[in-house]
Amino acid sequence: MVNTTQIRLYNNQLTGAVPPELYLLTNLEILRLDSNRLTGMIATEIGNLGMLEDLRLNNQTIFGPIPSELGNLVTLENLILN
């Protein structure tokens, strides 16, 4: 699963925190978890996803500051967090 490049689990009524194992998928280009029921904070480990181009975490109950590690995602083209 280390070579996974896309995870699209939007609109699935997922609950709980974003699983920390996702931050180990360093080849991930697309991470869409929008329109679920996720809670908690965006972990600083998000900065490990250096290949990420599309990150969507909108329509959640995620709280707290946006991690500065998002600045490490130099290939990021699409970011939706509302």
PDB file of N, CA and C in Angstrom:
ATOM      1  N   MET A   1       0.814  -1.192   0.000  1.00  0.00           N
ATOM      2  CA  MET A   1       0.000   0.000   0.000  1.00  0.00           C
ATOM      3  C   MET A   1       0.861   1.261   0.000  1.00  0.00           C
ATOM      4  N   VAL A   2       2.149   1.122   0.188  1.00  0.00           N
ATOM      5  CA  VAL A   2       3.046   2.274   0.211  1.00  0.00           C
ATOM      6  C   VAL A   2       3.029   3.008  -1.120  1.00  0.00           C
ATOM      7  N   ASN A   3       2.771   2.308  -2.213  1.00  0.00           N
ATOM      8  CA  ASN A   3       2.767   2.923  -3.540  1.00  0.00           C
ATOM      9  C   ASN A   3       1.417   3.516  -3.921  1.00  0.00           C
ATOM     10  N   THR A   4       0.479   3.552  -3.016  1.00  0.00           N
ATOM     11  CA  THR A   4      -0.840   4.135  -3.272  1.00  0.00           C
ATOM     12  C   THR A   4      -0.682   5.605  -3.636  1.00  0.00           C
ATOM     13  N   THR A   5      -1.327   6.017  -4.719  1.00  0.00           N
ATOM     14  CA  THR A   5      -1.233   7.412  -5.149  1.00  0.00           C
ATOM     15  C   THR A   5      -2.541   8.179  -4.977  1.00  0.00           C
ATOM     16  N   GLN A   6      -3.656   7.464  -4.797  1.00  0.00           N
ATOM     17  CA  GLN A   6      -4.937   8.156  -4.670  1.00  0.00           C
ATOM     18  C   GLN A   6      -5.813   7.482  -3.623  1.00  0.00           C
ATOM     19  N   ILE A   7      -6.403   8.297  -2.770  1.00  0.00           N
ATOM     20  CA  ILE A   7      -7.433   7.835  -1.839  1.00  0.00           C
ATOM     21  C   ILE A   7      -8.598   8.797  -1.980  1.00  0.00           C
ATOM     22  N   ARG A   8      -9.717   8.250  -2.398  1.00  0.00           N
ATOM     23  CA  ARG A   8     -10.937   9.042  -2.608  1.00  0.00           C
ATOM     24  C   ARG A   8     -12.062   8.398  -1.796  1.00  0.00           C
ATOM     25  N   LEU A   9     -12.223   8.874  -0.573  1.00  0.00           N
ATOM     26  CA  LEU A   9     -13.246   8.341   0.324  1.00  0.00           C
ATOM     27  C   LEU A   9     -14.223   9.431   0.734  1.00  0.00           C
ATOM     28  N   TYR A  10     -14.525  10.315  -0.195  1.00  0.00           N
ATOM     29  CA  TYR A  10     -15.431  11.410   0.112  1.00  0.00           C
ATOM     30  C   TYR A  10     -16.878  10.932   0.156  1.00  0.00           C
ATOM     31  N   ASN A  11     -17.657  11.602   1.013  1.00  0.00           N
ATOM     32  CA  ASN A  11     -19.095  11.354   1.142  1.00  0.00           C
ATOM     33  C   ASN A  11     -19.407   9.905   1.537  1.00  0.00           C
ATOM     34  N   ASN A  12     -18.697   9.402   2.549  1.00  0.00           N
ATOM     35  CA  ASN A  12     -18.898   8.028   3.021  1.00  0.00           C
ATOM     36  C   ASN A  12     -19.314   7.946   4.480  1.00  0.00           C
ATOM     37  N   GLN A  13     -19.565   9.068   5.119  1.00  0.00           N
ATOM     38  CA  GLN A  13     -19.955   9.123   6.520  1.00  0.00           C
ATOM     39  C   GLN A  13     -18.911   8.485   7.439  1.00  0.00           C
ATOM     40  N   LEU A  14     -17.636   8.629   7.084  1.00  0.00           N
ATOM     41  CA  LEU A  14     -16.560   8.148   7.941  1.00  0.00           C
ATOM     42  C   LEU A  14     -16.530   8.987   9.209  1.00  0.00           C
ATOM     43  N   THR A  15     -16.203   8.370  10.335  1.00  0.00           N
ATOM     44  CA  THR A  15     -16.170   9.075  11.616  1.00  0.00           C
ATOM     45  C   THR A  15     -14.810   8.903  12.272  1.00  0.00           C
ATOM     46  N   GLY A  16     -14.555   9.726  13.277  1.00  0.00           N
ATOM     47  CA  GLY A  16     -13.300   9.647  14.018  1.00  0.00           C
ATOM     48  C   GLY A  16     -12.251  10.565  13.428  1.00  0.00           C
ATOM     49  N   ALA A  17     -11.030  10.361  13.875  1.00  0.00           N
ATOM     50  CA  ALA A  17      -9.902  11.180  13.414  1.00  0.00           C
ATOM     51  C   ALA A  17      -9.358  10.641  12.090  1.00  0.00           C
ATOM     52  N   VAL A  18      -8.628  11.493  11.391  1.00  0.00           N
ATOM     53  CA  VAL A  18      -7.918  11.038  10.185  1.00  0.00           C
ATOM     54  C   VAL A  18      -6.891  10.008  10.641  1.00  0.00           C
ATOM     55  N   PRO A  19      -6.913   8.800  10.101  1.00  0.00           N
ATOM     56  CA  PRO A  19      -5.988   7.757  10.547  1.00  0.00           C
ATOM     57  C   PRO A  19      -4.534   8.169  10.329  1.00  0.00           C
ATOM     58  N   PRO A  20      -3.688   8.053  11.357  1.00  0.00           N
ATOM     59  CA  PRO A  20      -2.288   8.471  11.221  1.00  0.00           C
ATOM     60  C   PRO A  20      -1.528   7.670  10.172  1.00  0.00           C
ATOM     61  N   GLU A  21      -1.996   6.479   9.851  1.00  0.00           N
ATOM     62  CA  GLU A  21      -1.334   5.654   8.832  1.00  0.00           C
ATOM     63  C   GLU A  21      -1.353   6.315   7.454  1.00  0.00           C
ATOM     64  N   LEU A  22      -2.323   7.188   7.213  1.00  0.00           N
ATOM     65  CA  LEU A  22      -2.389   7.878   5.924  1.00  0.00           C
ATOM     66  C   LEU A  22      -1.146   8.726   5.684  1.00  0.00           C
ATOM     67  N   TYR A  23      -0.565   9.234   6.767  1.00  0.00           N
ATOM     68  CA  TYR A  23       0.598  10.107   6.632  1.00  0.00           C
ATOM     69  C   TYR A  23       1.873   9.331   6.288  1.00  0.00           C
ATOM     70  N   LEU A  24       1.785   8.018   6.239  1.00  0.00           N
ATOM     71  CA  LEU A  24       2.922   7.173   5.833  1.00  0.00           C
ATOM     72  C   LEU A  24       2.935   6.925   4.334  1.00  0.00           C
ATOM     73  N   LEU A  25       1.879   7.307   3.646  1.00  0.00           N
ATOM     74  CA  LEU A  25       1.739   7.066   2.210  1.00  0.00           C
ATOM     75  C   LEU A  25       2.400   8.205   1.444  1.00  0.00           C
ATOM     76  N   THR A  26       3.703   8.186   1.391  1.00  0.00           N
ATOM     77  CA  THR A  26       4.473   9.316   0.855  1.00  0.00           C
ATOM     78  C   THR A  26       4.328   9.492  -0.655  1.00  0.00           C
ATOM     79  N   ASN A  27       3.771   8.526  -1.355  1.00  0.00           N
ATOM     80  CA  ASN A  27       3.537   8.667  -2.800  1.00  0.00           C
ATOM     81  C   ASN A  27       2.131   9.173  -3.115  1.00  0.00           C
ATOM     82  N   LEU A  28       1.374   9.488  -2.087  1.00  0.00           N
ATOM     83  CA  LEU A  28      -0.006   9.926  -2.265  1.00  0.00           C
ATOM     84  C   LEU A  28      -0.058  11.253  -3.017  1.00  0.00           C
ATOM     85  N   GLU A  29      -0.854  11.292  -4.080  1.00  0.00           N
ATOM     86  CA  GLU A  29      -1.038  12.500  -4.884  1.00  0.00           C
ATOM     87  C   GLU A  29      -2.406  13.128  -4.644  1.00  0.00           C
ATOM     88  N   ILE A  30      -3.406  12.298  -4.358  1.00  0.00           N
ATOM     89  CA  ILE A  30      -4.768  12.783  -4.139  1.00  0.00           C
ATOM     90  C   ILE A  30      -5.292  12.184  -2.838  1.00  0.00           C
ATOM     91  N   LEU A  31      -5.741  13.055  -1.937  1.00  0.00           N
ATOM     92  CA  LEU A  31      -6.371  12.620  -0.694  1.00  0.00           C
ATOM     93  C   LEU A  31      -7.676  13.382  -0.547  1.00  0.00           C
ATOM     94  N   ARG A  32      -8.766  12.684  -0.790  1.00  0.00           N
ATOM     95  CA  ARG A  32     -10.098  13.285  -0.698  1.00  0.00           C
ATOM     96  C   ARG A  32     -10.881  12.572   0.392  1.00  0.00           C
ATOM     97  N   LEU A  33     -11.038  13.265   1.500  1.00  0.00           N
ATOM     98  CA  LEU A  33     -11.825  12.765   2.623  1.00  0.00           C
ATOM     99  C   LEU A  33     -12.984  13.704   2.918  1.00  0.00           C
ATOM    100  N   ASP A  34     -13.317  14.559   1.964  1.00  0.00           N
ATOM    101  CA  ASP A  34     -14.349  15.566   2.167  1.00  0.00           C
ATOM    102  C   ASP A  34     -15.735  14.944   2.341  1.00  0.00           C
ATOM    103  N   SER A  35     -16.588  15.724   3.004  1.00  0.00           N
ATOM    104  CA  SER A  35     -17.997  15.365   3.216  1.00  0.00           C
ATOM    105  C   SER A  35     -18.165  14.053   3.974  1.00  0.00           C
ATOM    106  N   ASN A  36     -17.407  13.915   5.047  1.00  0.00           N
ATOM    107  CA  ASN A  36     -17.558  12.809   5.980  1.00  0.00           C
ATOM    108  C   ASN A  36     -17.888  13.393   7.345  1.00  0.00           C
ATOM    109  N   ARG A  37     -17.612  12.659   8.387  1.00  0.00           N
ATOM    110  CA  ARG A  37     -17.860  13.132   9.753  1.00  0.00           C
ATOM    111  C   ARG A  37     -16.579  13.019  10.581  1.00  0.00           C
ATOM    112  N   LEU A  38     -15.463  13.357   9.967  1.00  0.00           N
ATOM    113  CA  LEU A  38     -14.180  13.275  10.657  1.00  0.00           C
ATOM    114  C   LEU A  38     -14.054  14.406  11.668  1.00  0.00           C
ATOM    115  N   THR A  39     -13.330  14.134  12.747  1.00  0.00           N
ATOM    116  CA  THR A  39     -13.144  15.113  13.820  1.00  0.00           C
ATOM    117  C   THR A  39     -11.663  15.207  14.157  1.00  0.00           C
ATOM    118  N   GLY A  40     -11.332  16.158  14.988  1.00  0.00           N
ATOM    119  CA  GLY A  40      -9.955  16.296  15.454  1.00  0.00           C
ATOM    120  C   GLY A  40      -9.204  17.352  14.669  1.00  0.00           C
ATOM    121  N   MET A  41      -7.892  17.311  14.828  1.00  0.00           N
ATOM    122  CA  MET A  41      -7.017  18.291  14.194  1.00  0.00           C
ATOM    123  C   MET A  41      -6.305  17.673  12.993  1.00  0.00           C
ATOM    124  N   ILE A  42      -5.824  18.523  12.096  1.00  0.00           N
ATOM    125  CA  ILE A  42      -4.963  18.067  11.008  1.00  0.00           C
ATOM    126  C   ILE A  42      -3.575  17.887  11.613  1.00  0.00           C
ATOM    127  N   ALA A  43      -3.044  16.701  11.538  1.00  0.00           N
ATOM    128  CA  ALA A  43      -1.751  16.395  12.157  1.00  0.00           C
ATOM    129  C   ALA A  43      -0.605  17.061  11.405  1.00  0.00           C
ATOM    130  N   THR A  44       0.443  17.391  12.119  1.00  0.00           N
ATOM    131  CA  THR A  44       1.628  17.987  11.493  1.00  0.00           C
ATOM    132  C   THR A  44       2.282  17.030  10.506  1.00  0.00           C
ATOM    133  N   GLU A  45       2.032  15.738  10.670  1.00  0.00           N
ATOM    134  CA  GLU A  45       2.585  14.733   9.756  1.00  0.00           C
ATOM    135  C   GLU A  45       2.066  14.876   8.334  1.00  0.00           C
ATOM    136  N   ILE A  46       1.062  15.727   8.130  1.00  0.00           N
ATOM    137  CA  ILE A  46       0.570  15.997   6.776  1.00  0.00           C
ATOM    138  C   ILE A  46       1.715  16.456   5.884  1.00  0.00           C
ATOM    139  N   GLY A  47       2.709  17.071   6.471  1.00  0.00           N
ATOM    140  CA  GLY A  47       3.878  17.538   5.719  1.00  0.00           C
ATOM    141  C   GLY A  47       4.717  16.419   5.142  1.00  0.00           C
ATOM    142  N   ASN A  48       4.487  15.170   5.563  1.00  0.00           N
ATOM    143  CA  ASN A  48       5.217  14.018   5.009  1.00  0.00           C
ATOM    144  C   ASN A  48       4.739  13.649   3.613  1.00  0.00           C
ATOM    145  N   LEU A  49       3.585  14.157   3.218  1.00  0.00           N
ATOM    146  CA  LEU A  49       2.982  13.775   1.933  1.00  0.00           C
ATOM    147  C   LEU A  49       3.488  14.689   0.823  1.00  0.00           C
ATOM    148  N   GLY A  50       4.760  14.620   0.558  1.00  0.00           N
ATOM    149  CA  GLY A  50       5.430  15.542  -0.353  1.00  0.00           C
ATOM    150  C   GLY A  50       5.003  15.472  -1.802  1.00  0.00           C
ATOM    151  N   MET A  51       4.287  14.438  -2.198  1.00  0.00           N
ATOM    152  CA  MET A  51       3.819  14.307  -3.581  1.00  0.00           C
ATOM    153  C   MET A  51       2.367  14.764  -3.747  1.00  0.00           C
ATOM    154  N   LEU A  52       1.745  15.190  -2.655  1.00  0.00           N
ATOM    155  CA  LEU A  52       0.319  15.514  -2.672  1.00  0.00           C
ATOM    156  C   LEU A  52       0.023  16.699  -3.585  1.00  0.00           C
ATOM    157  N   GLU A  53      -0.949  16.506  -4.471  1.00  0.00           N
ATOM    158  CA  GLU A  53      -1.392  17.544  -5.405  1.00  0.00           C
ATOM    159  C   GLU A  53      -2.793  18.051  -5.061  1.00  0.00           C
ATOM    160  N   ASP A  54      -3.618  17.193  -4.457  1.00  0.00           N
ATOM    161  CA  ASP A  54      -5.020  17.520  -4.204  1.00  0.00           C
ATOM    162  C   ASP A  54      -5.378  17.050  -2.803  1.00  0.00           C
ATOM    163  N   LEU A  55      -5.716  17.992  -1.917  1.00  0.00           N
ATOM    164  CA  LEU A  55      -6.098  17.676  -0.537  1.00  0.00           C
ATOM    165  C   LEU A  55      -7.441  18.322  -0.248  1.00  0.00           C
ATOM    166  N   ARG A  56      -8.426  17.508   0.075  1.00  0.00           N
ATOM    167  CA  ARG A  56      -9.765  18.019   0.383  1.00  0.00           C
ATOM    168  C   ARG A  56     -10.244  17.408   1.691  1.00  0.00           C
ATOM    169  N   LEU A  57     -10.386  18.268   2.679  1.00  0.00           N
ATOM    170  CA  LEU A  57     -10.876  17.866   3.998  1.00  0.00           C
ATOM    171  C   LEU A  57     -12.083  18.696   4.404  1.00  0.00           C
ATOM    172  N   ASN A  58     -12.766  19.272   3.438  1.00  0.00           N
ATOM    173  CA  ASN A  58     -13.893  20.150   3.719  1.00  0.00           C
ATOM    174  C   ASN A  58     -15.118  19.376   4.194  1.00  0.00           C
ATOM    175  N   ASN A  59     -16.054  20.132   4.803  1.00  0.00           N
ATOM    176  CA  ASN A  59     -17.313  19.589   5.325  1.00  0.00           C
ATOM    177  C   ASN A  59     -17.069  18.527   6.397  1.00  0.00           C
ATOM    178  N   GLN A  60     -16.229  18.868   7.369  1.00  0.00           N
ATOM    179  CA  GLN A  60     -15.894  18.006   8.501  1.00  0.00           C
ATOM    180  C   GLN A  60     -16.073  18.797   9.789  1.00  0.00           C
ATOM    181  N   THR A  61     -15.744  18.173  10.900  1.00  0.00           N
ATOM    182  CA  THR A  61     -15.685  18.852  12.188  1.00  0.00           C
ATOM    183  C   THR A  61     -14.228  18.889  12.640  1.00  0.00           C
ATOM    184  N   ILE A  62     -13.349  19.205  11.732  1.00  0.00           N
ATOM    185  CA  ILE A  62     -11.927  19.324  12.032  1.00  0.00           C
ATOM    186  C   ILE A  62     -11.693  20.713  12.620  1.00  0.00           C
ATOM    187  N   PHE A  63     -10.857  20.788  13.649  1.00  0.00           N
ATOM    188  CA  PHE A  63     -10.643  22.054  14.332  1.00  0.00           C
ATOM    189  C   PHE A  63      -9.148  22.267  14.574  1.00  0.00           C
ATOM    190  N   GLY A  64      -8.836  23.418  15.117  1.00  0.00           N
ATOM    191  CA  GLY A  64      -7.457  23.734  15.466  1.00  0.00           C
ATOM    192  C   GLY A  64      -6.748  24.479  14.350  1.00  0.00           C
ATOM    193  N   PRO A  65      -5.494  24.830  14.602  1.00  0.00           N
ATOM    194  CA  PRO A  65      -4.739  25.590  13.606  1.00  0.00           C
ATOM    195  C   PRO A  65      -4.384  24.747  12.381  1.00  0.00           C
ATOM    196  N   ILE A  66      -4.216  25.430  11.275  1.00  0.00           N
ATOM    197  CA  ILE A  66      -3.728  24.756  10.068  1.00  0.00           C
ATOM    198  C   ILE A  66      -2.226  24.569  10.246  1.00  0.00           C
ATOM    199  N   PRO A  67      -1.729  23.345  10.171  1.00  0.00           N
ATOM    200  CA  PRO A  67      -0.307  23.110  10.422  1.00  0.00           C
ATOM    201  C   PRO A  67       0.584  23.814   9.397  1.00  0.00           C
ATOM    202  N   SER A  68       1.639  24.426   9.881  1.00  0.00           N
ATOM    203  CA  SER A  68       2.586  25.093   8.982  1.00  0.00           C
ATOM    204  C   SER A  68       3.260  24.090   8.047  1.00  0.00           C
ATOM    205  N   GLU A  69       3.252  22.818   8.401  1.00  0.00           N
ATOM    206  CA  GLU A  69       3.833  21.775   7.566  1.00  0.00           C
ATOM    207  C   GLU A  69       3.146  21.648   6.214  1.00  0.00           C
ATOM    208  N   LEU A  70       1.962  22.229   6.065  1.00  0.00           N
ATOM    209  CA  LEU A  70       1.320  22.261   4.748  1.00  0.00           C
ATOM    210  C   LEU A  70       2.212  22.986   3.748  1.00  0.00           C
ATOM    211  N   GLY A  71       3.054  23.871   4.250  1.00  0.00           N
ATOM    212  CA  GLY A  71       3.998  24.583   3.383  1.00  0.00           C
ATOM    213  C   GLY A  71       5.037  23.673   2.761  1.00  0.00           C
ATOM    214  N   ASN A  72       5.206  22.461   3.303  1.00  0.00           N
ATOM    215  CA  ASN A  72       6.146  21.487   2.726  1.00  0.00           C
ATOM    216  C   ASN A  72       5.589  20.839   1.462  1.00  0.00           C
ATOM    217  N   LEU A  73       4.308  21.004   1.222  1.00  0.00           N
ATOM    218  CA  LEU A  73       3.648  20.333   0.098  1.00  0.00           C
ATOM    219  C   LEU A  73       3.779  21.194  -1.156  1.00  0.00           C
ATOM    220  N   VAL A  74       4.951  21.189  -1.735  1.00  0.00           N
ATOM    221  CA  VAL A  74       5.257  22.083  -2.857  1.00  0.00           C
ATOM    222  C   VAL A  74       4.548  21.695  -4.147  1.00  0.00           C
ATOM    223  N   THR A  75       4.035  20.468  -4.242  1.00  0.00           N
ATOM    224  CA  THR A  75       3.298  20.047  -5.438  1.00  0.00           C
ATOM    225  C   THR A  75       1.796  20.249  -5.290  1.00  0.00           C
ATOM    226  N   LEU A  76       1.350  20.754  -4.124  1.00  0.00           N
ATOM    227  CA  LEU A  76      -0.069  20.923  -3.860  1.00  0.00           C
ATOM    228  C   LEU A  76      -0.680  21.969  -4.792  1.00  0.00           C
ATOM    229  N   GLU A  77      -1.712  21.559  -5.532  1.00  0.00           N
ATOM    230  CA  GLU A  77      -2.400  22.441  -6.466  1.00  0.00           C
ATOM    231  C   GLU A  77      -3.798  22.781  -5.994  1.00  0.00           C
ATOM    232  N   ASN A  78      -4.417  21.867  -5.242  1.00  0.00           N
ATOM    233  CA  ASN A  78      -5.800  22.048  -4.827  1.00  0.00           C
ATOM    234  C   ASN A  78      -5.893  21.770  -3.331  1.00  0.00           C
ATOM    235  N   LEU A  79      -6.323  22.758  -2.553  1.00  0.00           N
ATOM    236  CA  LEU A  79      -6.470  22.628  -1.112  1.00  0.00           C
ATOM    237  C   LEU A  79      -7.825  23.186  -0.718  1.00  0.00           C
ATOM    238  N   ILE A  80      -8.680  22.330  -0.158  1.00  0.00           N
ATOM    239  CA  ILE A  80      -9.999  22.756   0.293  1.00  0.00           C
ATOM    240  C   ILE A  80     -10.176  22.267   1.727  1.00  0.00           C
ATOM    241  N   LEU A  81     -10.310  23.221   2.657  1.00  0.00           N
ATOM    242  CA  LEU A  81     -10.415  22.896   4.078  1.00  0.00           C
ATOM    243  C   LEU A  81     -11.658  23.434   4.744  1.00  0.00           C
ATOM    244  N   ASN A  82     -12.542  24.143   4.057  1.00  0.00           N
ATOM    245  CA  ASN A  82     -13.671  24.814   4.716  1.00  0.00           C
ATOM    246  C   ASN A  82     -14.570  23.860   5.456  1.00  0.00           C
TER     247      ASN A  82
END
